[in-house]
Protein backbone atom coordinates (compact mmCIF):
# COMPACT_ATOMS: atom_id res chain seq x y z
CA GLN A 1 7.15 -10.64 -26.30
CA VAL A 2 8.54 -8.19 -23.67
CA GLN A 3 7.59 -7.95 -20.20
CA LEU A 4 8.40 -5.59 -17.32
CA VAL A 5 7.95 -6.95 -13.80
CA GLU A 6 8.14 -4.75 -10.66
CA SER A 7 8.80 -5.69 -7.15
CA GLY A 8 9.78 -3.97 -3.85
CA GLY A 9 6.62 -2.40 -3.01
CA GLY A 10 4.74 -2.61 0.38
CA LEU A 11 3.68 -0.97 3.55
CA VAL A 12 6.12 1.35 5.36
CA GLN A 13 6.05 3.92 8.10
CA PRO A 14 6.55 7.71 7.36
CA GLY A 15 10.13 8.38 7.25
CA GLY A 16 10.98 4.79 6.06
CA SER A 17 12.55 3.76 2.90
CA LEU A 18 11.85 1.30 0.10
CA ARG A 19 13.62 0.30 -3.00
CA LEU A 20 11.62 -0.65 -6.01
CA SER A 21 12.89 -2.73 -8.84
CA CYS A 22 11.83 -3.30 -12.34
CA ALA A 23 13.31 -5.90 -14.69
CA ALA A 24 12.71 -6.25 -18.56
CA SER A 25 12.67 -9.53 -20.02
CA GLY A 26 11.75 -11.11 -23.40
CA SER A 27 12.96 -10.43 -26.95
CA ILE A 28 14.80 -7.22 -26.18
CA ILE A 29 17.43 -5.79 -28.72
CA ARG A 30 17.99 -2.55 -26.90
CA ILE A 31 16.32 -0.13 -24.24
CA ARG A 32 16.55 3.51 -24.35
CA GLY A 33 14.86 5.50 -21.53
CA MET A 34 13.39 3.97 -18.47
CA GLY A 35 11.34 5.44 -15.69
CA TRP A 36 8.89 5.28 -12.80
CA TYR A 37 5.47 6.84 -12.71
CA ARG A 38 2.81 6.59 -9.93
CA GLN A 39 -0.78 6.88 -9.57
CA ALA A 40 -2.51 7.90 -6.18
CA PRO A 41 -6.16 7.15 -5.56
CA GLY A 42 -8.40 9.63 -7.32
CA LYS A 43 -5.45 11.21 -9.31
CA GLU A 44 -3.90 10.98 -12.74
CA ARG A 45 -0.72 8.91 -13.42
CA GLU A 46 2.35 11.28 -12.88
CA LEU A 47 6.06 11.18 -13.72
CA VAL A 48 8.31 10.24 -10.91
CA ALA A 49 11.70 9.89 -12.46
CA THR A 50 13.38 8.83 -15.76
CA ILE A 51 16.73 7.71 -16.75
CA THR A 52 18.42 7.43 -20.09
CA SER A 53 20.57 4.53 -21.29
CA SER A 54 23.71 6.69 -20.58
CA GLY A 55 22.56 7.55 -16.97
CA ASN A 56 21.09 10.86 -17.34
CA THR A 57 18.32 11.32 -14.83
CA ASN A 58 15.25 13.63 -14.53
CA TYR A 59 12.94 13.91 -11.44
CA ALA A 60 9.68 15.37 -10.57
CA ASP A 61 10.00 18.37 -8.45
CA SER A 62 8.07 16.67 -5.48
CA VAL A 63 10.59 13.76 -5.26
CA LYS A 64 14.14 15.64 -5.94
CA GLY A 65 16.53 14.92 -3.09
CA GLN A 66 14.28 12.22 -1.87
CA PHE A 67 14.15 9.56 -4.45
CA THR A 68 17.03 8.27 -6.57
CA ILE A 69 16.73 6.43 -9.87
CA SER A 70 19.38 4.02 -11.29
CA ARG A 71 19.61 1.28 -13.74
CA ASP A 72 21.65 -1.68 -14.53
CA ASN A 73 21.95 -2.07 -18.35
CA ALA A 74 23.46 -5.47 -18.17
CA LYS A 75 20.27 -6.83 -16.17
CA ASN A 76 17.83 -4.70 -18.15
CA THR A 77 16.64 -3.39 -14.80
CA VAL A 78 15.71 0.04 -13.33
CA TYR A 79 15.57 0.83 -9.67
CA LEU A 80 13.98 3.57 -7.52
CA GLN A 81 15.45 4.00 -4.14
CA MET A 82 12.72 5.97 -2.06
CA ASN A 83 13.91 7.53 1.14
CA SER A 84 11.95 9.83 3.91
CA LEU A 85 8.63 8.58 2.78
CA LYS A 86 5.63 10.51 3.36
CA PRO A 87 2.03 9.61 3.33
CA GLU A 88 1.57 11.65 0.17
CA ASP A 89 3.96 9.20 -1.63
CA THR A 90 1.23 6.48 -1.22
CA ALA A 91 0.35 5.30 -4.76
CA VAL A 92 0.67 2.53 -7.27
CA TYR A 93 4.20 2.81 -8.97
CA TYR A 94 4.56 1.67 -12.52
CA CYS A 95 7.79 1.16 -14.53
CA ASN A 96 8.07 2.28 -18.07
CA ALA A 97 10.61 1.40 -20.60
CA ASN A 98 11.19 2.44 -24.29
CA ILE A 99 12.34 -0.74 -25.98
CA LEU A 100 13.49 -2.21 -29.29
CA SER A 101 11.93 -5.55 -29.78
CA GLN A 102 10.54 -6.04 -33.28
CA PHE A 103 10.15 -2.24 -33.35
CA TRP A 104 10.40 0.63 -30.77
CA ASP A 105 7.58 0.71 -28.33
CA ASP A 106 6.69 1.88 -24.82
CA TYR A 107 6.12 -0.81 -22.36
CA TRP A 108 4.58 -0.72 -18.74
CA GLY A 109 4.82 -3.03 -15.86
CA GLN A 110 1.75 -4.24 -13.86
CA GLY A 111 2.44 -1.65 -10.92
CA THR A 112 3.51 -2.26 -7.41
CA GLN A 113 1.55 -0.74 -4.46
CA VAL A 114 3.50 1.59 -2.02
CA THR A 115 1.46 2.56 1.07
CA VAL A 116 3.15 4.92 3.50
CA SER A 117 1.27 4.82 6.77
CA SER A 118 1.67 4.64 10.61
């Protein structure tokens, strides 16, 4: 069984920073892509950033230059450094990973709330 557990969310003032972490655990043979998505109230879930196992990254236009995704393959962990946060960044942030356990499948974390407000 595979689990993704996120941490690092919370309440931050506009202009502040947060670092999200997502650790994959369980019967993992290999992990390909990992990424972060977010869902704001009343909106659909959207891609924030992805990173391949070799470190190639992709960002939504709305977060380019503001957020940085990284991963530690030895720890099966992906990070999202979020700087210069704005109220419109408020959302539940979900971690996603494509993992080989018994077979290849996509896994999701439970989500972590990020609230940007003064």
